[in-house]
Amino acid sequence: MIPFENTLPYELIQQDMYVNECPFCRKDNVILPFKKKDLPDLSRGVKRLLILPCCRNKLMIVEADHDYLLANQPVRNKR
């Protein structure tokens, strides 16, 4: 079972990937250094280091689907 707290929803706008909110500094609409062409590798489980440009915090992305990035650590608050 995939831990929900390790998922980060993203959006694609043309070739760019965005997150609505940075999980660390809470900045809105952060463009990621990943592009649409990176999704096939991420979907196959190729791990990629994500350094968020807003606050320079790091996440290891271990997988992706059409809506979410899966990190190796929790990125959502449990409510």
PDB file of N, CA and C in Angstrom:
ATOM      1  N   MET A   1       0.840  -1.188   0.000  1.00  0.00           N
ATOM      2  CA  MET A   1       0.000   0.000   0.000  1.00  0.00           C
ATOM      3  C   MET A   1       0.880   1.244   0.000  1.00  0.00           C
ATOM      4  N   ILE A   2       0.561   2.188  -0.872  1.00  0.00           N
ATOM      5  CA  ILE A   2       1.331   3.432  -0.981  1.00  0.00           C
ATOM      6  C   ILE A   2       0.925   4.367   0.154  1.00  0.00           C
ATOM      7  N   PRO A   3       1.893   4.854   0.925  1.00  0.00           N
ATOM      8  CA  PRO A   3       1.555   5.792   2.006  1.00  0.00           C
ATOM      9  C   PRO A   3       1.132   7.152   1.445  1.00  0.00           C
ATOM     10  N   PHE A   4      -0.106   7.534   1.731  1.00  0.00           N
ATOM     11  CA  PHE A   4      -0.663   8.785   1.219  1.00  0.00           C
ATOM     12  C   PHE A   4       0.168   9.994   1.642  1.00  0.00           C
ATOM     13  N   GLU A   5       0.734   9.968   2.831  1.00  0.00           N
ATOM     14  CA  GLU A   5       1.495  11.122   3.314  1.00  0.00           C
ATOM     15  C   GLU A   5       2.805  11.325   2.540  1.00  0.00           C
ATOM     16  N   ASN A   6       3.204  10.349   1.722  1.00  0.00           N
ATOM     17  CA  ASN A   6       4.414  10.480   0.913  1.00  0.00           C
ATOM     18  C   ASN A   6       4.125  10.952  -0.514  1.00  0.00           C
ATOM     19  N   THR A   7       2.881  11.270  -0.824  1.00  0.00           N
ATOM     20  CA  THR A   7       2.521  11.681  -2.176  1.00  0.00           C
ATOM     21  C   THR A   7       2.452  13.202  -2.292  1.00  0.00           C
ATOM     22  N   LEU A   8       2.869  13.673  -3.443  1.00  0.00           N
ATOM     23  CA  LEU A   8       2.873  15.101  -3.725  1.00  0.00           C
ATOM     24  C   LEU A   8       2.142  15.315  -5.047  1.00  0.00           C
ATOM     25  N   PRO A   9       0.957  15.935  -5.021  1.00  0.00           N
ATOM     26  CA  PRO A   9       0.233  16.163  -6.279  1.00  0.00           C
ATOM     27  C   PRO A   9       0.945  17.214  -7.130  1.00  0.00           C
ATOM     28  N   TYR A  10       0.915  16.995  -8.427  1.00  0.00           N
ATOM     29  CA  TYR A  10       1.544  17.942  -9.341  1.00  0.00           C
ATOM     30  C   TYR A  10       0.608  18.225 -10.513  1.00  0.00           C
ATOM     31  N   GLU A  11       0.922  19.282 -11.229  1.00  0.00           N
ATOM     32  CA  GLU A  11       0.181  19.669 -12.426  1.00  0.00           C
ATOM     33  C   GLU A  11       1.165  19.829 -13.575  1.00  0.00           C
ATOM     34  N   LEU A  12       0.722  19.524 -14.772  1.00  0.00           N
ATOM     35  CA  LEU A  12       1.500  19.772 -15.984  1.00  0.00           C
ATOM     36  C   LEU A  12       0.889  20.949 -16.721  1.00  0.00           C
ATOM     37  N   ILE A  13       1.706  21.911 -17.050  1.00  0.00           N
ATOM     38  CA  ILE A  13       1.287  23.024 -17.892  1.00  0.00           C
ATOM     39  C   ILE A  13       2.305  23.089 -19.016  1.00  0.00           C
ATOM     40  N   GLN A  14       1.856  22.716 -20.200  1.00  0.00           N
ATOM     41  CA  GLN A  14       2.708  22.489 -21.364  1.00  0.00           C
ATOM     42  C   GLN A  14       3.775  21.462 -20.977  1.00  0.00           C
ATOM     43  N   GLN A  15       5.034  21.810 -20.959  1.00  0.00           N
ATOM     44  CA  GLN A  15       6.095  20.851 -20.641  1.00  0.00           C
ATOM     45  C   GLN A  15       6.580  20.955 -19.191  1.00  0.00           C
ATOM     46  N   ASP A  16       6.056  21.905 -18.435  1.00  0.00           N
ATOM     47  CA  ASP A  16       6.526  22.162 -17.070  1.00  0.00           C
ATOM     48  C   ASP A  16       5.679  21.452 -16.024  1.00  0.00           C
ATOM     49  N   MET A  17       6.331  21.068 -14.936  1.00  0.00           N
ATOM     50  CA  MET A  17       5.649  20.453 -13.789  1.00  0.00           C
ATOM     51  C   MET A  17       5.617  21.459 -12.642  1.00  0.00           C
ATOM     52  N   TYR A  18       4.458  21.562 -12.014  1.00  0.00           N
ATOM     53  CA  TYR A  18       4.247  22.471 -10.895  1.00  0.00           C
ATOM     54  C   TYR A  18       3.663  21.714  -9.715  1.00  0.00           C
ATOM     55  N   VAL A  19       3.915  22.209  -8.515  1.00  0.00           N
ATOM     56  CA  VAL A  19       3.156  21.780  -7.342  1.00  0.00           C
ATOM     57  C   VAL A  19       2.402  23.001  -6.851  1.00  0.00           C
ATOM     58  N   ASN A  20       1.212  22.780  -6.341  1.00  0.00           N
ATOM     59  CA  ASN A  20       0.395  23.905  -5.865  1.00  0.00           C
ATOM     60  C   ASN A  20       1.012  24.584  -4.655  1.00  0.00           C
ATOM     61  N   GLU A  21       1.701  23.782  -3.833  1.00  0.00           N
ATOM     62  CA  GLU A  21       2.301  24.344  -2.624  1.00  0.00           C
ATOM     63  C   GLU A  21       3.527  23.530  -2.250  1.00  0.00           C
ATOM     64  N   CYS A  22       4.600  24.201  -1.908  1.00  0.00           N
ATOM     65  CA  CYS A  22       5.807  23.520  -1.446  1.00  0.00           C
ATOM     66  C   CYS A  22       5.503  22.864  -0.091  1.00  0.00           C
ATOM     67  N   PRO A  23       5.867  21.596   0.084  1.00  0.00           N
ATOM     68  CA  PRO A  23       5.569  20.932   1.360  1.00  0.00           C
ATOM     69  C   PRO A  23       6.436  21.425   2.516  1.00  0.00           C
ATOM     70  N   PHE A  24       7.475  22.184   2.246  1.00  0.00           N
ATOM     71  CA  PHE A  24       8.375  22.659   3.292  1.00  0.00           C
ATOM     72  C   PHE A  24       8.134  24.128   3.649  1.00  0.00           C
ATOM     73  N   CYS A  25       8.213  25.021   2.656  1.00  0.00           N
ATOM     74  CA  CYS A  25       8.090  26.459   2.950  1.00  0.00           C
ATOM     75  C   CYS A  25       6.697  27.008   2.671  1.00  0.00           C
ATOM     76  N   ARG A  26       5.817  26.197   2.071  1.00  0.00           N
ATOM     77  CA  ARG A  26       4.421  26.544   1.780  1.00  0.00           C
ATOM     78  C   ARG A  26       4.257  27.614   0.705  1.00  0.00           C
ATOM     79  N   LYS A  27       5.293  27.861  -0.098  1.00  0.00           N
ATOM     80  CA  LYS A  27       5.165  28.800  -1.207  1.00  0.00           C
ATOM     81  C   LYS A  27       4.200  28.226  -2.238  1.00  0.00           C
ATOM     82  N   ASP A  28       3.386  29.090  -2.846  1.00  0.00           N
ATOM     83  CA  ASP A  28       2.394  28.673  -3.833  1.00  0.00           C
ATOM     84  C   ASP A  28       3.000  28.557  -5.226  1.00  0.00           C
ATOM     85  N   ASN A  29       2.444  27.636  -6.016  1.00  0.00           N
ATOM     86  CA  ASN A  29       2.758  27.479  -7.440  1.00  0.00           C
ATOM     87  C   ASN A  29       4.257  27.418  -7.729  1.00  0.00           C
ATOM     88  N   VAL A  30       4.864  26.349  -7.272  1.00  0.00           N
ATOM     89  CA  VAL A  30       6.303  26.164  -7.441  1.00  0.00           C
ATOM     90  C   VAL A  30       6.557  25.321  -8.688  1.00  0.00           C
ATOM     91  N   ILE A  31       7.347  25.855  -9.602  1.00  0.00           N
ATOM     92  CA  ILE A  31       7.721  25.103 -10.790  1.00  0.00           C
ATOM     93  C   ILE A  31       8.863  24.158 -10.410  1.00  0.00           C
ATOM     94  N   LEU A  32       8.748  22.905 -10.830  1.00  0.00           N
ATOM     95  CA  LEU A  32       9.739  21.893 -10.493  1.00  0.00           C
ATOM     96  C   LEU A  32      10.800  21.807 -11.581  1.00  0.00           C
ATOM     97  N   PRO A  33      11.984  21.326 -11.238  1.00  0.00           N
ATOM     98  CA  PRO A  33      13.017  21.167 -12.265  1.00  0.00           C
ATOM     99  C   PRO A  33      12.774  19.965 -13.178  1.00  0.00           C
ATOM    100  N   PHE A  34      11.697  19.219 -12.965  1.00  0.00           N
ATOM    101  CA  PHE A  34      11.331  18.109 -13.844  1.00  0.00           C
ATOM    102  C   PHE A  34      10.480  18.631 -14.993  1.00  0.00           C
ATOM    103  N   LYS A  35      10.546  17.927 -16.097  1.00  0.00           N
ATOM    104  CA  LYS A  35       9.737  18.250 -17.268  1.00  0.00           C
ATOM    105  C   LYS A  35       8.841  17.062 -17.605  1.00  0.00           C
ATOM    106  N   LYS A  36       7.915  17.276 -18.495  1.00  0.00           N
ATOM    107  CA  LYS A  36       6.993  16.223 -18.913  1.00  0.00           C
ATOM    108  C   LYS A  36       7.755  15.014 -19.458  1.00  0.00           C
ATOM    109  N   LYS A  37       8.884  15.233 -20.108  1.00  0.00           N
ATOM    110  CA  LYS A  37       9.663  14.138 -20.682  1.00  0.00           C
ATOM    111  C   LYS A  37      10.299  13.253 -19.602  1.00  0.00           C
ATOM    112  N   ASP A  38      10.361  13.718 -18.358  1.00  0.00           N
ATOM    113  CA  ASP A  38      10.920  12.924 -17.252  1.00  0.00           C
ATOM    114  C   ASP A  38       9.913  11.929 -16.681  1.00  0.00           C
ATOM    115  N   LEU A  39       8.636  12.096 -16.977  1.00  0.00           N
ATOM    116  CA  LEU A  39       7.596  11.248 -16.391  1.00  0.00           C
ATOM    117  C   LEU A  39       7.722   9.759 -16.719  1.00  0.00           C
ATOM    118  N   PRO A  40       8.064   9.363 -17.952  1.00  0.00           N
ATOM    119  CA  PRO A  40       8.190   7.918 -18.196  1.00  0.00           C
ATOM    120  C   PRO A  40       9.234   7.246 -17.295  1.00  0.00           C
ATOM    121  N   ASP A  41      10.375   7.891 -17.093  1.00  0.00           N
ATOM    122  CA  ASP A  41      11.390   7.319 -16.202  1.00  0.00           C
ATOM    123  C   ASP A  41      10.885   7.248 -14.765  1.00  0.00           C
ATOM    124  N   LEU A  42      10.257   8.309 -14.305  1.00  0.00           N
ATOM    125  CA  LEU A  42       9.723   8.325 -12.936  1.00  0.00           C
ATOM    126  C   LEU A  42       8.646   7.258 -12.761  1.00  0.00           C
ATOM    127  N   SER A  43       7.836   7.062 -13.776  1.00  0.00           N
ATOM    128  CA  SER A  43       6.770   6.054 -13.708  1.00  0.00           C
ATOM    129  C   SER A  43       7.328   4.641 -13.631  1.00  0.00           C
ATOM    130  N   ARG A  44       8.490   4.421 -14.213  1.00  0.00           N
ATOM    131  CA  ARG A  44       9.125   3.099 -14.163  1.00  0.00           C
ATOM    132  C   ARG A  44       9.901   2.879 -12.870  1.00  0.00           C
ATOM    133  N   GLY A  45       9.938   3.889 -11.995  1.00  0.00           N
ATOM    134  CA  GLY A  45      10.605   3.722 -10.717  1.00  0.00           C
ATOM    135  C   GLY A  45      12.045   4.182 -10.684  1.00  0.00           C
ATOM    136  N   VAL A  46      12.465   4.944 -11.696  1.00  0.00           N
ATOM    137  CA  VAL A  46      13.805   5.517 -11.675  1.00  0.00           C
ATOM    138  C   VAL A  46      13.801   6.644 -10.644  1.00  0.00           C
ATOM    139  N   LYS A  47      14.639   6.527  -9.634  1.00  0.00           N
ATOM    140  CA  LYS A  47      14.663   7.533  -8.565  1.00  0.00           C
ATOM    141  C   LYS A  47      15.352   8.799  -9.049  1.00  0.00           C
ATOM    142  N   ARG A  48      14.802   9.948  -8.621  1.00  0.00           N
ATOM    143  CA  ARG A  48      15.371  11.251  -8.972  1.00  0.00           C
ATOM    144  C   ARG A  48      15.348  12.144  -7.739  1.00  0.00           C
ATOM    145  N   LEU A  49      16.414  12.874  -7.560  1.00  0.00           N
ATOM    146  CA  LEU A  49      16.485  13.841  -6.473  1.00  0.00           C
ATOM    147  C   LEU A  49      15.773  15.115  -6.915  1.00  0.00           C
ATOM    148  N   LEU A  50      14.839  15.570  -6.106  1.00  0.00           N
ATOM    149  CA  LEU A  50      14.114  16.812  -6.364  1.00  0.00           C
ATOM    150  C   LEU A  50      14.606  17.852  -5.372  1.00  0.00           C
ATOM    151  N   ILE A  51      15.208  18.902  -5.879  1.00  0.00           N
ATOM    152  CA  ILE A  51      15.595  20.045  -5.051  1.00  0.00           C
ATOM    153  C   ILE A  51      14.613  21.153  -5.366  1.00  0.00           C
ATOM    154  N   LEU A  52      13.810  21.493  -4.389  1.00  0.00           N
ATOM    155  CA  LEU A  52      12.776  22.506  -4.599  1.00  0.00           C
ATOM    156  C   LEU A  52      13.432  23.881  -4.747  1.00  0.00           C
ATOM    157  N   PRO A  53      13.134  24.594  -5.823  1.00  0.00           N
ATOM    158  CA  PRO A  53      13.810  25.864  -6.089  1.00  0.00           C
ATOM    159  C   PRO A  53      13.448  26.983  -5.108  1.00  0.00           C
ATOM    160  N   CYS A  54      12.342  26.869  -4.435  1.00  0.00           N
ATOM    161  CA  CYS A  54      11.902  27.936  -3.531  1.00  0.00           C
ATOM    162  C   CYS A  54      12.684  27.962  -2.222  1.00  0.00           C
ATOM    163  N   CYS A  55      13.009  26.795  -1.675  1.00  0.00           N
ATOM    164  CA  CYS A  55      13.657  26.751  -0.362  1.00  0.00           C
ATOM    165  C   CYS A  55      14.867  25.821  -0.314  1.00  0.00           C
ATOM    166  N   ARG A  56      15.181  25.169  -1.432  1.00  0.00           N
ATOM    167  CA  ARG A  56      16.334  24.279  -1.562  1.00  0.00           C
ATOM    168  C   ARG A  56      16.263  23.025  -0.701  1.00  0.00           C
ATOM    169  N   ASN A  57      15.080  22.683  -0.213  1.00  0.00           N
ATOM    170  CA  ASN A  57      14.920  21.405   0.479  1.00  0.00           C
ATOM    171  C   ASN A  57      14.925  20.286  -0.546  1.00  0.00           C
ATOM    172  N   LYS A  58      15.304  19.087  -0.106  1.00  0.00           N
ATOM    173  CA  LYS A  58      15.478  17.966  -1.017  1.00  0.00           C
ATOM    174  C   LYS A  58      14.498  16.850  -0.709  1.00  0.00           C
ATOM    175  N   LEU A  59      14.039  16.215  -1.774  1.00  0.00           N
ATOM    176  CA  LEU A  59      13.187  15.028  -1.689  1.00  0.00           C
ATOM    177  C   LEU A  59      13.686  14.013  -2.706  1.00  0.00           C
ATOM    178  N   MET A  60      13.668  12.751  -2.342  1.00  0.00           N
ATOM    179  CA  MET A  60      13.954  11.702  -3.303  1.00  0.00           C
ATOM    180  C   MET A  60      12.613  11.223  -3.851  1.00  0.00           C
ATOM    181  N   ILE A  61      12.416  11.383  -5.144  1.00  0.00           N
ATOM    182  CA  ILE A  61      11.189  10.919  -5.800  1.00  0.00           C
ATOM    183  C   ILE A  61      11.452   9.496  -6.283  1.00  0.00           C
ATOM    184  N   VAL A  62      10.618   8.570  -5.820  1.00  0.00           N
ATOM    185  CA  VAL A  62      10.849   7.159  -6.126  1.00  0.00           C
ATOM    186  C   VAL A  62       9.902   6.617  -7.194  1.00  0.00           C
ATOM    187  N   GLU A  63       8.820   7.326  -7.475  1.00  0.00           N
ATOM    188  CA  GLU A  63       7.871   6.884  -8.487  1.00  0.00           C
ATOM    189  C   GLU A  63       6.914   8.025  -8.790  1.00  0.00           C
ATOM    190  N   ALA A  64       6.170   7.879  -9.889  1.00  0.00           N
ATOM    191  CA  ALA A  64       5.180   8.885 -10.263  1.00  0.00           C
ATOM    192  C   ALA A  64       4.063   8.223 -11.048  1.00  0.00           C
ATOM    193  N   ASP A  65       2.900   8.862 -11.016  1.00  0.00           N
ATOM    194  CA  ASP A  65       1.808   8.472 -11.911  1.00  0.00           C
ATOM    195  C   ASP A  65       1.311   9.753 -12.582  1.00  0.00           C
ATOM    196  N   HIS A  66       0.096   9.740 -13.099  1.00  0.00           N
ATOM    197  CA  HIS A  66      -0.399  10.905 -13.837  1.00  0.00           C
ATOM    198  C   HIS A  66      -0.825  12.060 -12.938  1.00  0.00           C
ATOM    199  N   ASP A  67      -0.889  11.829 -11.625  1.00  0.00           N
ATOM    200  CA  ASP A  67      -1.348  12.873 -10.709  1.00  0.00           C
ATOM    201  C   ASP A  67      -0.395  13.167  -9.557  1.00  0.00           C
ATOM    202  N   TYR A  68       0.404  12.183  -9.160  1.00  0.00           N
ATOM    203  CA  TYR A  68       1.192  12.301  -7.934  1.00  0.00           C
ATOM    204  C   TYR A  68       2.640  11.890  -8.138  1.00  0.00           C
ATOM    205  N   LEU A  69       3.519  12.554  -7.376  1.00  0.00           N
ATOM    206  CA  LEU A  69       4.892  12.109  -7.213  1.00  0.00           C
ATOM    207  C   LEU A  69       4.964  11.386  -5.875  1.00  0.00           C
ATOM    208  N   LEU A  70       5.689  10.285  -5.813  1.00  0.00           N
ATOM    209  CA  LEU A  70       5.845   9.529  -4.577  1.00  0.00           C
ATOM    210  C   LEU A  70       7.245   9.768  -4.039  1.00  0.00           C
ATOM    211  N   ALA A  71       7.327  10.314  -2.831  1.00  0.00           N
ATOM    212  CA  ALA A  71       8.619  10.614  -2.194  1.00  0.00           C
ATOM    213  C   ALA A  71       8.980   9.504  -1.214  1.00  0.00           C
ATOM    214  N   ASN A  72      10.225   9.498  -0.795  1.00  0.00           N
ATOM    215  CA  ASN A  72      10.688   8.493   0.153  1.00  0.00           C
ATOM    216  C   ASN A  72      10.456   8.896   1.603  1.00  0.00           C
ATOM    217  N   GLN A  73       9.812  10.048   1.800  1.00  0.00           N
ATOM    218  CA  GLN A  73       9.506  10.544   3.150  1.00  0.00           C
ATOM    219  C   GLN A  73       8.161  11.265   3.121  1.00  0.00           C
ATOM    220  N   PRO A  74       7.550  11.430   4.266  1.00  0.00           N
ATOM    221  CA  PRO A  74       6.256  12.131   4.301  1.00  0.00           C
ATOM    222  C   PRO A  74       6.391  13.595   3.859  1.00  0.00           C
ATOM    223  N   VAL A  75       5.446  14.036   3.041  1.00  0.00           N
ATOM    224  CA  VAL A  75       5.416  15.427   2.582  1.00  0.00           C
ATOM    225  C   VAL A  75       4.078  16.093   2.877  1.00  0.00           C
ATOM    226  N   ARG A  76       3.149  15.344   3.451  1.00  0.00           N
ATOM    227  CA  ARG A  76       1.846  15.888   3.832  1.00  0.00           C
ATOM    228  C   ARG A  76       1.677  15.771   5.346  1.00  0.00           C
ATOM    229  N   ASN A  77       0.972  16.740   5.873  1.00  0.00           N
ATOM    230  CA  ASN A  77       0.634  16.673   7.301  1.00  0.00           C
ATOM    231  C   ASN A  77      -0.487  15.674   7.516  1.00  0.00           C
ATOM    232  N   LYS A  78      -0.340  14.860   8.526  1.00  0.00           N
ATOM    233  CA  LYS A  78      -1.441  13.957   8.891  1.00  0.00           C
ATOM    234  C   LYS A  78      -2.463  14.777   9.661  1.00  0.00           C
ATOM    235  N   ARG A  79      -3.708  14.639   9.290  1.00  0.00           N
ATOM    236  CA  ARG A  79      -4.752  15.438   9.960  1.00  0.00           C
ATOM    237  C   ARG A  79      -5.666  14.532  10.731  1.00  0.00           C
TER     238      ARG A  79
END
